[in-house]
């Protein structure tokens, strides 16, 4: 059995009350299709206390959720593209 390692890196940027996150999944290949990117954003309500960690957590979780949906879509597209009629 071959062990594979995929890596997810999360990049977070803050600007005022907005926090943006980008989650990048790399499967280790060299083709453009060997990575999938998810994005998330969090906006602090001006009435809330400024706690940057909460914005980081929300934006990162939303980026990971978006990444999961995009990865699922890639798999579904592969199934459609690669599954042909079964011959007997």
C-alpha atoms as a PDB file:
ATOM      1  CA  UNK A   1       0.000   0.000   0.000  1.00  0.00           C
ATOM      2  CA  UNK A   2       1.375   3.378  -0.995  1.00  0.00           C
ATOM      3  CA  UNK A   3       1.225   6.161   1.563  1.00  0.00           C
ATOM      4  CA  UNK A   4       0.444   9.604   0.200  1.00  0.00           C
ATOM      5  CA  UNK A   5       0.842  12.947   1.864  1.00  0.00           C
ATOM      6  CA  UNK A   6      -1.205  15.962   0.892  1.00  0.00           C
ATOM      7  CA  UNK A   7      -0.476  19.344   2.407  1.00  0.00           C
ATOM      8  CA  UNK A   8      -2.842  22.187   3.240  1.00  0.00           C
ATOM      9  CA  UNK A   9      -1.412  25.622   3.851  1.00  0.00           C
ATOM     10  CA  UNK A  10      -3.579  28.436   5.151  1.00  0.00           C
ATOM     11  CA  UNK A  11      -2.692  32.039   4.406  1.00  0.00           C
ATOM     12  CA  UNK A  12      -4.418  34.744   6.472  1.00  0.00           C
ATOM     13  CA  UNK A  13      -4.479  38.481   5.826  1.00  0.00           C
ATOM     14  CA  UNK A  14      -6.191  41.179   7.837  1.00  0.00           C
ATOM     15  CA  UNK A  15      -7.326  44.600   6.726  1.00  0.00           C
ATOM     16  CA  UNK A  16      -9.316  46.675   9.163  1.00  0.00           C
ATOM     17  CA  UNK A  17     -12.336  44.637  10.271  1.00  0.00           C
ATOM     18  CA  UNK A  18     -11.906  42.089   7.448  1.00  0.00           C
ATOM     19  CA  UNK A  19      -9.937  38.863   7.650  1.00  0.00           C
ATOM     20  CA  UNK A  20      -9.342  36.785   4.533  1.00  0.00           C
ATOM     21  CA  UNK A  21      -8.012  33.239   4.413  1.00  0.00           C
ATOM     22  CA  UNK A  22      -6.828  31.106   1.532  1.00  0.00           C
ATOM     23  CA  UNK A  23      -6.467  27.339   2.033  1.00  0.00           C
ATOM     24  CA  UNK A  24      -4.247  25.663  -0.564  1.00  0.00           C
ATOM     25  CA  UNK A  25      -4.268  21.866  -0.888  1.00  0.00           C
ATOM     26  CA  UNK A  26      -1.233  20.446  -2.660  1.00  0.00           C
ATOM     27  CA  UNK A  27      -1.182  16.802  -3.696  1.00  0.00           C
ATOM     28  CA  UNK A  28       2.528  16.904  -4.467  1.00  0.00           C
ATOM     29  CA  UNK A  29       2.227  16.779  -8.235  1.00  0.00           C
ATOM     30  CA  UNK A  30       3.533  19.384 -10.649  1.00  0.00           C
ATOM     31  CA  UNK A  31       0.414  19.975 -12.754  1.00  0.00           C
ATOM     32  CA  UNK A  32      -1.845  22.944 -12.066  1.00  0.00           C
ATOM     33  CA  UNK A  33      -4.646  20.502 -11.295  1.00  0.00           C
ATOM     34  CA  UNK A  34      -2.571  19.076  -8.408  1.00  0.00           C
ATOM     35  CA  UNK A  35      -3.705  21.900  -6.137  1.00  0.00           C
ATOM     36  CA  UNK A  36      -7.105  23.114  -4.997  1.00  0.00           C
ATOM     37  CA  UNK A  37      -7.770  26.488  -3.381  1.00  0.00           C
ATOM     38  CA  UNK A  38     -10.525  27.470  -0.965  1.00  0.00           C
ATOM     39  CA  UNK A  39     -11.264  30.990   0.250  1.00  0.00           C
ATOM     40  CA  UNK A  40     -12.982  32.380   3.314  1.00  0.00           C
ATOM     41  CA  UNK A  41     -13.667  35.773   4.816  1.00  0.00           C
ATOM     42  CA  UNK A  42     -14.731  37.071   8.210  1.00  0.00           C
ATOM     43  CA  UNK A  43     -15.932  40.575   8.979  1.00  0.00           C
ATOM     44  CA  UNK A  44     -15.936  41.912  12.510  1.00  0.00           C
ATOM     45  CA  UNK A  45     -19.049  43.744  13.565  1.00  0.00           C
ATOM     46  CA  UNK A  46     -17.894  47.214  14.660  1.00  0.00           C
ATOM     47  CA  UNK A  47     -19.855  46.709  17.894  1.00  0.00           C
ATOM     48  CA  UNK A  48     -17.771  43.614  18.809  1.00  0.00           C
ATOM     49  CA  UNK A  49     -14.462  43.714  20.666  1.00  0.00           C
ATOM     50  CA  UNK A  50     -11.426  43.498  18.350  1.00  0.00           C
ATOM     51  CA  UNK A  51     -10.107  39.974  18.904  1.00  0.00           C
ATOM     52  CA  UNK A  52      -8.108  39.078  15.751  1.00  0.00           C
ATOM     53  CA  UNK A  53      -7.891  35.366  16.606  1.00  0.00           C
ATOM     54  CA  UNK A  54     -11.645  34.975  16.189  1.00  0.00           C
ATOM     55  CA  UNK A  55     -11.527  36.488  12.708  1.00  0.00           C
ATOM     56  CA  UNK A  56      -8.602  34.198  11.855  1.00  0.00           C
ATOM     57  CA  UNK A  57     -10.503  31.138  13.047  1.00  0.00           C
ATOM     58  CA  UNK A  58     -13.702  32.036  11.201  1.00  0.00           C
ATOM     59  CA  UNK A  59     -11.959  32.940   7.953  1.00  0.00           C
ATOM     60  CA  UNK A  60      -9.770  29.805   8.073  1.00  0.00           C
ATOM     61  CA  UNK A  61     -12.731  27.524   8.791  1.00  0.00           C
ATOM     62  CA  UNK A  62     -14.667  29.055   5.918  1.00  0.00           C
ATOM     63  CA  UNK A  63     -11.674  28.635   3.592  1.00  0.00           C
ATOM     64  CA  UNK A  64     -11.384  24.974   4.594  1.00  0.00           C
ATOM     65  CA  UNK A  65     -15.111  24.463   4.050  1.00  0.00           C
ATOM     66  CA  UNK A  66     -14.817  26.042   0.594  1.00  0.00           C
ATOM     67  CA  UNK A  67     -11.771  23.861  -0.103  1.00  0.00           C
ATOM     68  CA  UNK A  68     -13.722  20.716   0.841  1.00  0.00           C
ATOM     69  CA  UNK A  69     -16.560  21.648  -1.510  1.00  0.00           C
ATOM     70  CA  UNK A  70     -14.138  22.375  -4.353  1.00  0.00           C
ATOM     71  CA  UNK A  71     -12.263  19.103  -3.785  1.00  0.00           C
ATOM     72  CA  UNK A  72     -15.555  17.216  -3.859  1.00  0.00           C
ATOM     73  CA  UNK A  73     -16.399  18.947  -7.154  1.00  0.00           C
ATOM     74  CA  UNK A  74     -13.014  17.896  -8.597  1.00  0.00           C
ATOM     75  CA  UNK A  75     -13.701  14.283  -7.620  1.00  0.00           C
ATOM     76  CA  UNK A  76     -17.210  14.419  -9.102  1.00  0.00           C
ATOM     77  CA  UNK A  77     -15.860  15.841 -12.360  1.00  0.00           C
ATOM     78  CA  UNK A  78     -13.208  13.096 -12.473  1.00  0.00           C
ATOM     79  CA  UNK A  79     -15.879  10.441 -11.992  1.00  0.00           C
ATOM     80  CA  UNK A  80     -17.914  11.862 -14.860  1.00  0.00           C
ATOM     81  CA  UNK A  81     -14.859  12.253 -17.116  1.00  0.00           C
ATOM     82  CA  UNK A  82     -13.266   8.883 -16.370  1.00  0.00           C
ATOM     83  CA  UNK A  83     -16.213   6.588 -15.832  1.00  0.00           C
ATOM     84  CA  UNK A  84     -17.099   5.043 -19.119  1.00  0.00           C
ATOM     85  CA  UNK A  85     -19.503   2.327 -20.015  1.00  0.00           C
ATOM     86  CA  UNK A  86     -18.747  -1.014 -18.422  1.00  0.00           C
ATOM     87  CA  UNK A  87     -17.829  -3.631 -20.996  1.00  0.00           C
ATOM     88  CA  UNK A  88     -18.241  -7.320 -20.358  1.00  0.00           C
END
